[in-house]
């Protein structure tokens, strides 16, 4: 399981999540930050510092936010 960065992050570039991630699985994309679902250890450190409340556990996402997990997979497939 993984955490996923969703719509509120689009256009935001605060980056606190990157700084606290113990496994460096968060990278900046063109429009938002992305969490690598294959590396995330599900610690939740990023959730606590996100200033726009954009990070959710994969199991807690709303159906309309599931596309952000796929966006993250595509991002890391192309930028890994």
PDB file of N, CA and C in Angstrom:
ATOM      1  N   UNK A   1       0.836  -1.190   0.000  1.00  0.00           N
ATOM      2  CA  UNK A   1       0.000   0.000   0.000  1.00  0.00           C
ATOM      3  C   UNK A   1       0.876   1.248   0.000  1.00  0.00           C
ATOM      4  N   UNK A   2       0.272   2.328  -0.418  1.00  0.00           N
ATOM      5  CA  UNK A   2       1.014   3.559  -0.609  1.00  0.00           C
ATOM      6  C   UNK A   2       0.145   4.755  -0.260  1.00  0.00           C
ATOM      7  N   UNK A   3       0.798   5.871  -0.081  1.00  0.00           N
ATOM      8  CA  UNK A   3       0.085   7.131   0.009  1.00  0.00           C
ATOM      9  C   UNK A   3       0.070   7.744  -1.382  1.00  0.00           C
ATOM     10  N   UNK A   4      -0.932   8.586  -1.638  1.00  0.00           N
ATOM     11  CA  UNK A   4      -1.125   9.169  -2.958  1.00  0.00           C
ATOM     12  C   UNK A   4      -1.363  10.667  -2.793  1.00  0.00           C
ATOM     13  N   UNK A   5      -0.739  11.453  -3.661  1.00  0.00           N
ATOM     14  CA  UNK A   5      -0.951  12.896  -3.662  1.00  0.00           C
ATOM     15  C   UNK A   5      -2.037  13.208  -4.683  1.00  0.00           C
ATOM     16  N   UNK A   6      -3.064  13.932  -4.242  1.00  0.00           N
ATOM     17  CA  UNK A   6      -4.250  14.163  -5.067  1.00  0.00           C
ATOM     18  C   UNK A   6      -4.376  15.629  -5.509  1.00  0.00           C
ATOM     19  N   UNK A   7      -5.532  15.988  -6.035  1.00  0.00           N
ATOM     20  CA  UNK A   7      -5.806  17.268  -6.697  1.00  0.00           C
ATOM     21  C   UNK A   7      -5.380  18.521  -5.932  1.00  0.00           C
ATOM     22  N   UNK A   8      -5.559  18.637  -4.623  1.00  0.00           N
ATOM     23  CA  UNK A   8      -5.179  19.889  -3.972  1.00  0.00           C
ATOM     24  C   UNK A   8      -3.706  20.267  -4.156  1.00  0.00           C
ATOM     25  N   UNK A   9      -2.877  19.304  -4.522  1.00  0.00           N
ATOM     26  CA  UNK A   9      -1.461  19.590  -4.719  1.00  0.00           C
ATOM     27  C   UNK A   9      -1.181  20.223  -6.083  1.00  0.00           C
ATOM     28  N   UNK A  10      -2.084  20.082  -7.015  1.00  0.00           N
ATOM     29  CA  UNK A  10      -1.827  20.614  -8.353  1.00  0.00           C
ATOM     30  C   UNK A  10      -1.584  22.114  -8.286  1.00  0.00           C
ATOM     31  N   UNK A  11      -0.432  22.512  -8.799  1.00  0.00           N
ATOM     32  CA  UNK A  11      -0.057  23.921  -8.785  1.00  0.00           C
ATOM     33  C   UNK A  11       0.628  24.367  -7.512  1.00  0.00           C
ATOM     34  N   UNK A  12       0.637  23.541  -6.496  1.00  0.00           N
ATOM     35  CA  UNK A  12       1.311  23.873  -5.240  1.00  0.00           C
ATOM     36  C   UNK A  12       2.706  23.300  -5.264  1.00  0.00           C
ATOM     37  N   UNK A  13       3.657  24.036  -4.779  1.00  0.00           N
ATOM     38  CA  UNK A  13       5.044  23.572  -4.789  1.00  0.00           C
ATOM     39  C   UNK A  13       5.706  23.820  -3.438  1.00  0.00           C
ATOM     40  N   UNK A  14       4.991  23.534  -2.359  1.00  0.00           N
ATOM     41  CA  UNK A  14       5.553  23.756  -1.034  1.00  0.00           C
ATOM     42  C   UNK A  14       6.712  22.801  -0.764  1.00  0.00           C
ATOM     43  N   UNK A  15       6.516  21.505  -0.948  1.00  0.00           N
ATOM     44  CA  UNK A  15       7.591  20.531  -0.855  1.00  0.00           C
ATOM     45  C   UNK A  15       7.960  20.026   0.524  1.00  0.00           C
ATOM     46  N   UNK A  16       7.182  20.364   1.543  1.00  0.00           N
ATOM     47  CA  UNK A  16       7.481  19.842   2.868  1.00  0.00           C
ATOM     48  C   UNK A  16       7.468  18.319   2.884  1.00  0.00           C
ATOM     49  N   UNK A  17       6.607  17.727   2.068  1.00  0.00           N
ATOM     50  CA  UNK A  17       6.502  16.271   2.015  1.00  0.00           C
ATOM     51  C   UNK A  17       7.821  15.634   1.577  1.00  0.00           C
ATOM     52  N   UNK A  18       8.506  16.270   0.642  1.00  0.00           N
ATOM     53  CA  UNK A  18       9.785  15.749   0.155  1.00  0.00           C
ATOM     54  C   UNK A  18      10.811  15.725   1.280  1.00  0.00           C
ATOM     55  N   UNK A  19      10.829  16.787   2.066  1.00  0.00           N
ATOM     56  CA  UNK A  19      11.814  16.932   3.132  1.00  0.00           C
ATOM     57  C   UNK A  19      11.661  15.888   4.234  1.00  0.00           C
ATOM     58  N   UNK A  20      10.436  15.458   4.524  1.00  0.00           N
ATOM     59  CA  UNK A  20      10.224  14.526   5.641  1.00  0.00           C
ATOM     60  C   UNK A  20      10.192  13.058   5.232  1.00  0.00           C
ATOM     61  N   UNK A  21      10.153  12.774   3.949  1.00  0.00           N
ATOM     62  CA  UNK A  21      10.057  11.381   3.496  1.00  0.00           C
ATOM     63  C   UNK A  21      11.352  10.626   3.810  1.00  0.00           C
ATOM     64  N   UNK A  22      11.280   9.571   4.627  1.00  0.00           N
ATOM     65  CA  UNK A  22      12.492   8.842   5.015  1.00  0.00           C
ATOM     66  C   UNK A  22      13.081   7.961   3.914  1.00  0.00           C
ATOM     67  N   UNK A  23      12.330   7.710   2.846  1.00  0.00           N
ATOM     68  CA  UNK A  23      12.833   6.846   1.773  1.00  0.00           C
ATOM     69  C   UNK A  23      12.954   7.578   0.433  1.00  0.00           C
ATOM     70  N   UNK A  24      12.825   8.892   0.446  1.00  0.00           N
ATOM     71  CA  UNK A  24      12.973   9.707  -0.765  1.00  0.00           C
ATOM     72  C   UNK A  24      12.137   9.209  -1.932  1.00  0.00           C
ATOM     73  N   UNK A  25      10.851   8.950  -1.674  1.00  0.00           N
ATOM     74  CA  UNK A  25       9.991   8.436  -2.741  1.00  0.00           C
ATOM     75  C   UNK A  25       9.085   9.500  -3.347  1.00  0.00           C
ATOM     76  N   UNK A  26       9.293  10.772  -2.992  1.00  0.00           N
ATOM     77  CA  UNK A  26       8.452  11.849  -3.514  1.00  0.00           C
ATOM     78  C   UNK A  26       9.286  12.727  -4.433  1.00  0.00           C
ATOM     79  N   UNK A  27       8.803  12.893  -5.652  1.00  0.00           N
ATOM     80  CA  UNK A  27       9.490  13.732  -6.631  1.00  0.00           C
ATOM     81  C   UNK A  27       8.539  14.791  -7.163  1.00  0.00           C
ATOM     82  N   UNK A  28       9.123  15.892  -7.610  1.00  0.00           N
ATOM     83  CA  UNK A  28       8.349  16.986  -8.171  1.00  0.00           C
ATOM     84  C   UNK A  28       8.116  16.751  -9.660  1.00  0.00           C
ATOM     85  N   UNK A  29       6.861  16.830 -10.071  1.00  0.00           N
ATOM     86  CA  UNK A  29       6.506  16.755 -11.479  1.00  0.00           C
ATOM     87  C   UNK A  29       6.210  18.144 -12.007  1.00  0.00           C
ATOM     88  N   UNK A  30       5.716  18.215 -13.226  1.00  0.00           N
ATOM     89  CA  UNK A  30       5.403  19.511 -13.825  1.00  0.00           C
ATOM     90  C   UNK A  30       4.262  20.229 -13.113  1.00  0.00           C
ATOM     91  N   UNK A  31       3.262  19.469 -12.668  1.00  0.00           N
ATOM     92  CA  UNK A  31       2.066  20.089 -12.110  1.00  0.00           C
ATOM     93  C   UNK A  31       1.847  19.822 -10.625  1.00  0.00           C
ATOM     94  N   UNK A  32       2.566  18.859 -10.054  1.00  0.00           N
ATOM     95  CA  UNK A  32       2.396  18.510  -8.647  1.00  0.00           C
ATOM     96  C   UNK A  32       3.527  17.575  -8.231  1.00  0.00           C
ATOM     97  N   UNK A  33       3.537  17.198  -6.962  1.00  0.00           N
ATOM     98  CA  UNK A  33       4.469  16.182  -6.472  1.00  0.00           C
ATOM     99  C   UNK A  33       3.823  14.811  -6.617  1.00  0.00           C
ATOM    100  N   UNK A  34       4.671  13.788  -6.710  1.00  0.00           N
ATOM    101  CA  UNK A  34       4.191  12.414  -6.855  1.00  0.00           C
ATOM    102  C   UNK A  34       4.930  11.504  -5.880  1.00  0.00           C
ATOM    103  N   UNK A  35       4.201  10.526  -5.331  1.00  0.00           N
ATOM    104  CA  UNK A  35       4.778   9.505  -4.454  1.00  0.00           C
ATOM    105  C   UNK A  35       4.927   8.229  -5.255  1.00  0.00           C
ATOM    106  N   UNK A  36       6.131   7.661  -5.239  1.00  0.00           N
ATOM    107  CA  UNK A  36       6.379   6.401  -5.947  1.00  0.00           C
ATOM    108  C   UNK A  36       5.698   5.275  -5.166  1.00  0.00           C
ATOM    109  N   UNK A  37       4.635   4.669  -5.723  1.00  0.00           N
ATOM    110  CA  UNK A  37       3.901   3.637  -4.989  1.00  0.00           C
ATOM    111  C   UNK A  37       4.709   2.368  -4.750  1.00  0.00           C
ATOM    112  N   UNK A  38       5.793   2.179  -5.488  1.00  0.00           N
ATOM    113  CA  UNK A  38       6.621   0.989  -5.304  1.00  0.00           C
ATOM    114  C   UNK A  38       7.672   1.168  -4.206  1.00  0.00           C
ATOM    115  N   UNK A  39       7.923   2.411  -3.810  1.00  0.00           N
ATOM    116  CA  UNK A  39       8.945   2.680  -2.800  1.00  0.00           C
ATOM    117  C   UNK A  39       8.341   3.137  -1.469  1.00  0.00           C
ATOM    118  N   UNK A  40       7.176   3.761  -1.509  1.00  0.00           N
ATOM    119  CA  UNK A  40       6.523   4.276  -0.300  1.00  0.00           C
ATOM    120  C   UNK A  40       6.416   3.170   0.755  1.00  0.00           C
ATOM    121  N   UNK A  41       6.837   3.497   1.987  1.00  0.00           N
ATOM    122  CA  UNK A  41       6.765   2.516   3.078  1.00  0.00           C
ATOM    123  C   UNK A  41       5.545   2.737   3.967  1.00  0.00           C
ATOM    124  N   UNK A  42       4.655   3.631   3.541  1.00  0.00           N
ATOM    125  CA  UNK A  42       3.388   3.831   4.229  1.00  0.00           C
ATOM    126  C   UNK A  42       3.565   4.379   5.642  1.00  0.00           C
ATOM    127  N   UNK A  43       4.579   5.234   5.841  1.00  0.00           N
ATOM    128  CA  UNK A  43       4.838   5.771   7.183  1.00  0.00           C
ATOM    129  C   UNK A  43       3.909   6.918   7.549  1.00  0.00           C
ATOM    130  N   UNK A  44       3.414   7.662   6.556  1.00  0.00           N
ATOM    131  CA  UNK A  44       2.495   8.763   6.811  1.00  0.00           C
ATOM    132  C   UNK A  44       3.141  10.073   7.195  1.00  0.00           C
ATOM    133  N   UNK A  45       4.464  10.156   7.189  1.00  0.00           N
ATOM    134  CA  UNK A  45       5.139  11.400   7.565  1.00  0.00           C
ATOM    135  C   UNK A  45       4.715  12.554   6.661  1.00  0.00           C
ATOM    136  N   UNK A  46       4.506  12.272   5.398  1.00  0.00           N
ATOM    137  CA  UNK A  46       4.125  13.304   4.433  1.00  0.00           C
ATOM    138  C   UNK A  46       2.732  13.862   4.714  1.00  0.00           C
ATOM    139  N   UNK A  47       1.849  13.013   5.180  1.00  0.00           N
ATOM    140  CA  UNK A  47       0.467  13.426   5.447  1.00  0.00           C
ATOM    141  C   UNK A  47       0.440  14.538   6.496  1.00  0.00           C
ATOM    142  N   UNK A  48       1.242  14.379   7.535  1.00  0.00           N
ATOM    143  CA  UNK A  48       1.240  15.322   8.655  1.00  0.00           C
ATOM    144  C   UNK A  48       1.725  16.715   8.265  1.00  0.00           C
ATOM    145  N   UNK A  49       2.563  16.824   7.244  1.00  0.00           N
ATOM    146  CA  UNK A  49       3.129  18.128   6.894  1.00  0.00           C
ATOM    147  C   UNK A  49       2.517  18.760   5.652  1.00  0.00           C
ATOM    148  N   UNK A  50       1.628  18.071   4.971  1.00  0.00           N
ATOM    149  CA  UNK A  50       1.054  18.604   3.732  1.00  0.00           C
ATOM    150  C   UNK A  50       0.168  19.820   4.039  1.00  0.00           C
ATOM    151  N   UNK A  51       0.546  21.008   3.552  1.00  0.00           N
ATOM    152  CA  UNK A  51      -0.219  22.212   3.884  1.00  0.00           C
ATOM    153  C   UNK A  51      -1.557  22.326   3.158  1.00  0.00           C
ATOM    154  N   UNK A  52      -1.784  21.491   2.144  1.00  0.00           N
ATOM    155  CA  UNK A  52      -3.044  21.558   1.397  1.00  0.00           C
ATOM    156  C   UNK A  52      -3.881  20.289   1.550  1.00  0.00           C
ATOM    157  N   UNK A  53      -3.511  19.423   2.477  1.00  0.00           N
ATOM    158  CA  UNK A  53      -4.253  18.188   2.748  1.00  0.00           C
ATOM    159  C   UNK A  53      -4.531  17.382   1.481  1.00  0.00           C
ATOM    160  N   UNK A  54      -3.480  17.157   0.701  1.00  0.00           N
ATOM    161  CA  UNK A  54      -3.626  16.469  -0.581  1.00  0.00           C
ATOM    162  C   UNK A  54      -3.216  15.007  -0.537  1.00  0.00           C
ATOM    163  N   UNK A  55      -2.669  14.533   0.583  1.00  0.00           N
ATOM    164  CA  UNK A  55      -2.107  13.183   0.627  1.00  0.00           C
ATOM    165  C   UNK A  55      -3.018  12.250   1.405  1.00  0.00           C
ATOM    166  N   UNK A  56      -3.347  11.123   0.754  1.00  0.00           N
ATOM    167  CA  UNK A  56      -4.235  10.138   1.357  1.00  0.00           C
ATOM    168  C   UNK A  56      -3.648   8.746   1.208  1.00  0.00           C
ATOM    169  N   UNK A  57      -4.001   7.884   2.142  1.00  0.00           N
ATOM    170  CA  UNK A  57      -3.628   6.482   2.006  1.00  0.00           C
ATOM    171  C   UNK A  57      -4.429   5.919   0.834  1.00  0.00           C
ATOM    172  N   UNK A  58      -3.806   5.058   0.087  1.00  0.00           N
ATOM    173  CA  UNK A  58      -4.425   4.469  -1.104  1.00  0.00           C
ATOM    174  C   UNK A  58      -5.819   3.908  -0.815  1.00  0.00           C
ATOM    175  N   UNK A  59      -5.994   3.284   0.330  1.00  0.00           N
ATOM    176  CA  UNK A  59      -7.286   2.676   0.670  1.00  0.00           C
ATOM    177  C   UNK A  59      -8.340   3.696   1.081  1.00  0.00           C
ATOM    178  N   UNK A  60      -7.913   4.924   1.408  1.00  0.00           N
ATOM    179  CA  UNK A  60      -8.837   5.946   1.879  1.00  0.00           C
ATOM    180  C   UNK A  60      -9.225   6.957   0.809  1.00  0.00           C
ATOM    181  N   UNK A  61      -8.754   6.758  -0.408  1.00  0.00           N
ATOM    182  CA  UNK A  61      -9.060   7.696  -1.482  1.00  0.00           C
ATOM    183  C   UNK A  61     -10.516   7.579  -1.912  1.00  0.00           C
ATOM    184  N   UNK A  62     -11.052   8.695  -2.341  1.00  0.00           N
ATOM    185  CA  UNK A  62     -12.381   8.690  -2.950  1.00  0.00           C
ATOM    186  C   UNK A  62     -12.251   8.106  -4.358  1.00  0.00           C
ATOM    187  N   UNK A  63     -13.311   7.522  -4.880  1.00  0.00           N
ATOM    188  CA  UNK A  63     -13.233   6.934  -6.228  1.00  0.00           C
ATOM    189  C   UNK A  63     -12.716   7.916  -7.283  1.00  0.00           C
ATOM    190  N   UNK A  64     -13.106   9.178  -7.174  1.00  0.00           N
ATOM    191  CA  UNK A  64     -12.667  10.157  -8.172  1.00  0.00           C
ATOM    192  C   UNK A  64     -11.184  10.520  -8.041  1.00  0.00           C
ATOM    193  N   UNK A  65     -10.556  10.144  -6.933  1.00  0.00           N
ATOM    194  CA  UNK A  65      -9.132  10.421  -6.744  1.00  0.00           C
ATOM    195  C   UNK A  65      -8.236   9.259  -7.163  1.00  0.00           C
ATOM    196  N   UNK A  66      -8.817   8.126  -7.512  1.00  0.00           N
ATOM    197  CA  UNK A  66      -8.019   6.961  -7.881  1.00  0.00           C
ATOM    198  C   UNK A  66      -7.140   7.216  -9.104  1.00  0.00           C
ATOM    199  N   UNK A  67      -7.535   8.177  -9.930  1.00  0.00           N
ATOM    200  CA  UNK A  67      -6.731   8.504 -11.109  1.00  0.00           C
ATOM    201  C   UNK A  67      -5.357   9.049 -10.719  1.00  0.00           C
ATOM    202  N   UNK A  68      -5.228   9.591  -9.504  1.00  0.00           N
ATOM    203  CA  UNK A  68      -3.937  10.142  -9.081  1.00  0.00           C
ATOM    204  C   UNK A  68      -2.923   9.053  -8.759  1.00  0.00           C
ATOM    205  N   UNK A  69      -3.381   7.891  -8.354  1.00  0.00           N
ATOM    206  CA  UNK A  69      -2.474   6.760  -8.174  1.00  0.00           C
ATOM    207  C   UNK A  69      -1.936   6.329  -9.532  1.00  0.00           C
ATOM    208  N   UNK A  70      -2.802   6.288 -10.521  1.00  0.00           N
ATOM    209  CA  UNK A  70      -2.360   5.933 -11.872  1.00  0.00           C
ATOM    210  C   UNK A  70      -1.408   6.983 -12.434  1.00  0.00           C
ATOM    211  N   UNK A  71      -1.698   8.276 -12.160  1.00  0.00           N
ATOM    212  CA  UNK A  71      -0.791   9.338 -12.600  1.00  0.00           C
ATOM    213  C   UNK A  71       0.592   9.158 -11.979  1.00  0.00           C
ATOM    214  N   UNK A  72       0.633   8.781 -10.707  1.00  0.00           N
ATOM    215  CA  UNK A  72       1.919   8.564 -10.038  1.00  0.00           C
ATOM    216  C   UNK A  72       2.657   7.386 -10.662  1.00  0.00           C
ATOM    217  N   UNK A  73       1.949   6.313 -10.940  1.00  0.00           N
ATOM    218  CA  UNK A  73       2.587   5.144 -11.585  1.00  0.00           C
ATOM    219  C   UNK A  73       3.157   5.519 -12.949  1.00  0.00           C
ATOM    220  N   UNK A  74       2.395   6.277 -13.715  1.00  0.00           N
ATOM    221  CA  UNK A  74       2.857   6.718 -15.035  1.00  0.00           C
ATOM    222  C   UNK A  74       4.056   7.655 -14.905  1.00  0.00           C
ATOM    223  N   UNK A  75       4.004   8.565 -13.939  1.00  0.00           N
ATOM    224  CA  UNK A  75       5.112   9.495 -13.732  1.00  0.00           C
ATOM    225  C   UNK A  75       6.411   8.739 -13.464  1.00  0.00           C
ATOM    226  N   UNK A  76       6.372   7.777 -12.562  1.00  0.00           N
ATOM    227  CA  UNK A  76       7.588   7.051 -12.213  1.00  0.00           C
ATOM    228  C   UNK A  76       8.010   6.071 -13.301  1.00  0.00           C
ATOM    229  N   UNK A  77       7.082   5.584 -14.083  1.00  0.00           N
ATOM    230  CA  UNK A  77       7.444   4.717 -15.215  1.00  0.00           C
ATOM    231  C   UNK A  77       8.221   5.522 -16.258  1.00  0.00           C
ATOM    232  N   UNK A  78       7.888   6.803 -16.401  1.00  0.00           N
ATOM    233  CA  UNK A  78       8.532   7.655 -17.390  1.00  0.00           C
ATOM    234  C   UNK A  78       9.722   8.440 -16.844  1.00  0.00           C
ATOM    235  N   UNK A  79       9.833   8.533 -15.515  1.00  0.00           N
ATOM    236  CA  UNK A  79      10.892   9.352 -14.907  1.00  0.00           C
ATOM    237  C   UNK A  79      11.761   8.582 -13.934  1.00  0.00           C
ATOM    238  N   UNK A  80      11.608   7.286 -13.898  1.00  0.00           N
ATOM    239  CA  UNK A  80      12.316   6.459 -12.929  1.00  0.00           C
ATOM    240  C   UNK A  80      13.697   6.192 -13.316  1.00  0.00           C
TER     241      UNK A  80
END
